[in-house]
C-alpha atoms as a PDB file:
ATOM      1  CA  MET A   1      -0.019   0.104  -0.476  1.00  0.00           C
ATOM      2  CA  GLU A   2       1.257   3.440  -1.089  1.00  0.00           C
ATOM      3  CA  THR A   3       1.276   6.581   1.554  1.00  0.00           C
ATOM      4  CA  LEU A   4       0.284   9.764   0.275  1.00  0.00           C
ATOM      5  CA  ILE A   5       0.439  13.278   1.757  1.00  0.00           C
ATOM      6  CA  ILE A   6      -2.161  16.067   0.493  1.00  0.00           C
ATOM      7  CA  SER A   7      -3.028  19.480   1.187  1.00  0.00           C
ATOM      8  CA  ILE A   8      -7.191  20.068   0.700  1.00  0.00           C
ATOM      9  CA  PRO A   9      -8.917  23.523   0.287  1.00  0.00           C
ATOM     10  CA  GLU A  10     -10.962  23.454   3.283  1.00  0.00           C
ATOM     11  CA  LYS A  11     -14.288  23.619   1.668  1.00  0.00           C
ATOM     12  CA  LYS A  12     -13.357  20.788   0.076  1.00  0.00           C
ATOM     13  CA  SER A  13     -11.955  18.521   2.270  1.00  0.00           C
ATOM     14  CA  THR A  14     -15.234  17.563   3.252  1.00  0.00           C
ATOM     15  CA  LEU A  15     -16.201  16.624  -0.633  1.00  0.00           C
ATOM     16  CA  VAL A  16     -12.455  15.026  -1.244  1.00  0.00           C
ATOM     17  CA  LYS A  17     -12.477  12.400   1.566  1.00  0.00           C
ATOM     18  CA  GLN A  18     -15.907  11.077   1.326  1.00  0.00           C
ATOM     19  CA  MET A  19     -14.490  10.207  -2.935  1.00  0.00           C
ATOM     20  CA  LEU A  20     -11.987   8.823  -1.849  1.00  0.00           C
ATOM     21  CA  LYS A  21     -13.700   6.793   0.933  1.00  0.00           C
ATOM     22  CA  ASP A  22     -15.580   5.250  -2.088  1.00  0.00           C
ATOM     23  CA  MET A  23     -12.893   5.018  -3.284  1.00  0.00           C
ATOM     24  CA  GLY A  24     -11.693   2.385  -0.912  1.00  0.00           C
ATOM     25  CA  VAL A  25      -8.687   4.505   0.160  1.00  0.00           C
ATOM     26  CA  THR A  26      -8.423   4.796   4.578  1.00  0.00           C
ATOM     27  CA  ILE A  27      -7.778   8.337   5.554  1.00  0.00           C
ATOM     28  CA  GLN A  28      -5.892   8.775   8.517  1.00  0.00           C
ATOM     29  CA  GLN A  29      -5.789  12.590  10.453  1.00  0.00           C
ATOM     30  CA  THR A  30      -2.879  13.676  11.014  1.00  0.00           C
ATOM     31  CA  ASP A  31      -2.646  17.002  13.202  1.00  0.00           C
ATOM     32  CA  ARG A  32      -0.900  19.705  11.089  1.00  0.00           C
ATOM     33  CA  LEU A  33       2.286  20.980  10.522  1.00  0.00           C
ATOM     34  CA  ASN A  34       3.014  23.386  13.044  1.00  0.00           C
ATOM     35  CA  MET A  35       5.898  26.079  10.816  1.00  0.00           C
ATOM     36  CA  THR A  36       6.881  27.825  14.005  1.00  0.00           C
ATOM     37  CA  ALA A  37       8.013  24.413  15.464  1.00  0.00           C
ATOM     38  CA  TYR A  38       9.327  23.590  12.371  1.00  0.00           C
ATOM     39  CA  LYS A  39      11.303  26.066  11.474  1.00  0.00           C
ATOM     40  CA  GLN A  40      12.677  26.495  15.341  1.00  0.00           C
ATOM     41  CA  LYS A  41      14.322  21.986  15.003  1.00  0.00           C
ATOM     42  CA  ILE A  42      16.385  23.449  11.490  1.00  0.00           C
ATOM     43  CA  PRO A  43      19.565  25.005  11.857  1.00  0.00           C
ATOM     44  CA  LYS A  44      19.816  28.845  11.058  1.00  0.00           C
ATOM     45  CA  ALA A  45      23.014  28.418   8.382  1.00  0.00           C
ATOM     46  CA  SER A  46      24.780  31.955   7.677  1.00  0.00           C
ATOM     47  CA  THR A  47      25.742  33.546   4.606  1.00  0.00           C
ATOM     48  CA  PRO A  48      29.474  35.165   4.735  1.00  0.00           C
ATOM     49  CA  THR A  49      29.376  39.147   4.320  1.00  0.00           C
ATOM     50  CA  ASN A  50      31.998  41.324   3.446  1.00  0.00           C
ATOM     51  CA  ASP A  51      33.291  41.667   6.615  1.00  0.00           C
ATOM     52  CA  ASP A  52      33.562  37.593   6.633  1.00  0.00           C
ATOM     53  CA  THR A  53      35.456  37.765   3.283  1.00  0.00           C
ATOM     54  CA  SER A  54      38.064  40.815   3.837  1.00  0.00           C
ATOM     55  CA  THR A  55      39.945  38.688   7.617  1.00  0.00           C
ATOM     56  CA  VAL A  56      40.672  35.726   5.763  1.00  0.00           C
ATOM     57  CA  GLY A  57      43.382  37.673   4.139  1.00  0.00           C
ATOM     58  CA  LYS A  58      44.485  37.966   0.925  1.00  0.00           C
ATOM     59  CA  ARG A  59      45.940  34.169  -0.651  1.00  0.00           C
ATOM     60  CA  ILE A  60      49.707  33.150  -1.747  1.00  0.00           C
ATOM     61  CA  PRO A  61      51.257  32.089  -4.206  1.00  0.00           C
ATOM     62  CA  GLY A  62      52.747  28.808  -4.004  1.00  0.00           C
ATOM     63  CA  GLY A  63      51.221  29.044  -0.311  1.00  0.00           C
ATOM     64  CA  LEU A  64      50.736  25.158  -0.347  1.00  0.00           C
ATOM     65  CA  LYS A  65      54.268  24.347  -1.849  1.00  0.00           C
ATOM     66  CA  GLY A  66      55.504  21.507  -0.320  1.00  0.00           C
ATOM     67  CA  ARG A  67      51.796  20.403   1.743  1.00  0.00           C
ATOM     68  CA  VAL A  68      50.324  18.767  -1.183  1.00  0.00           C
ATOM     69  CA  SER A  69      51.548  15.935  -3.851  1.00  0.00           C
ATOM     70  CA  LEU A  70      50.419  14.205  -6.611  1.00  0.00           C
ATOM     71  CA  PRO A  71      50.595  10.553  -7.620  1.00  0.00           C
ATOM     72  CA  ASP A  72      53.288   9.856  -9.628  1.00  0.00           C
ATOM     73  CA  ASP A  73      50.346   8.026 -12.243  1.00  0.00           C
ATOM     74  CA  PHE A  74      48.020  10.760 -11.331  1.00  0.00           C
ATOM     75  CA  ASN A  75      47.356  10.935 -15.843  1.00  0.00           C
ATOM     76  CA  GLU A  76      47.492   7.515 -16.280  1.00  0.00           C
ATOM     77  CA  PRO A  77      44.181   5.981 -17.726  1.00  0.00           C
ATOM     78  CA  LEU A  78      41.942   4.540 -15.067  1.00  0.00           C
ATOM     79  CA  ASP A  79      41.979   0.918 -15.487  1.00  0.00           C
ATOM     80  CA  ASP A  80      37.786   0.942 -13.950  1.00  0.00           C
ATOM     81  CA  LEU A  81      37.345   3.122 -17.343  1.00  0.00           C
ATOM     82  CA  LYS A  82      38.349   0.364 -19.972  1.00  0.00           C
ATOM     83  CA  ASP A  83      35.574  -1.128 -20.530  1.00  0.00           C
ATOM     84  CA  TYR A  84      34.000   2.420 -21.902  1.00  0.00           C
ATOM     85  CA  ARG A  85      36.095   2.584 -25.065  1.00  0.00           C
END
C-alpha cells in the first residue's frame, strides 16, 4: 500500500474525503504542520558578508607548495574506465 500526504482546501475537504472513501482509500487524520516548531528545528545557515571575507586575508601564490602532492600516475588512464572505450 502506498502512503500519500495531500493538502486539501478547507472548502473542498469534505467532498474530497468522501470521494476517496468511496474508492476504498483509508484516511488517517494527522496533526497539522506547525510551521513555527518546524522552523525552529532547522539549523540556521549563515551567509558570508563582506566583513567575513576581509578577515581571511589574501591568498599567497604557492602557499601550499611542499604540503600537497599528486601521485606519479595521476595522468594515467584509470583501469576502471577501460570497459567504456
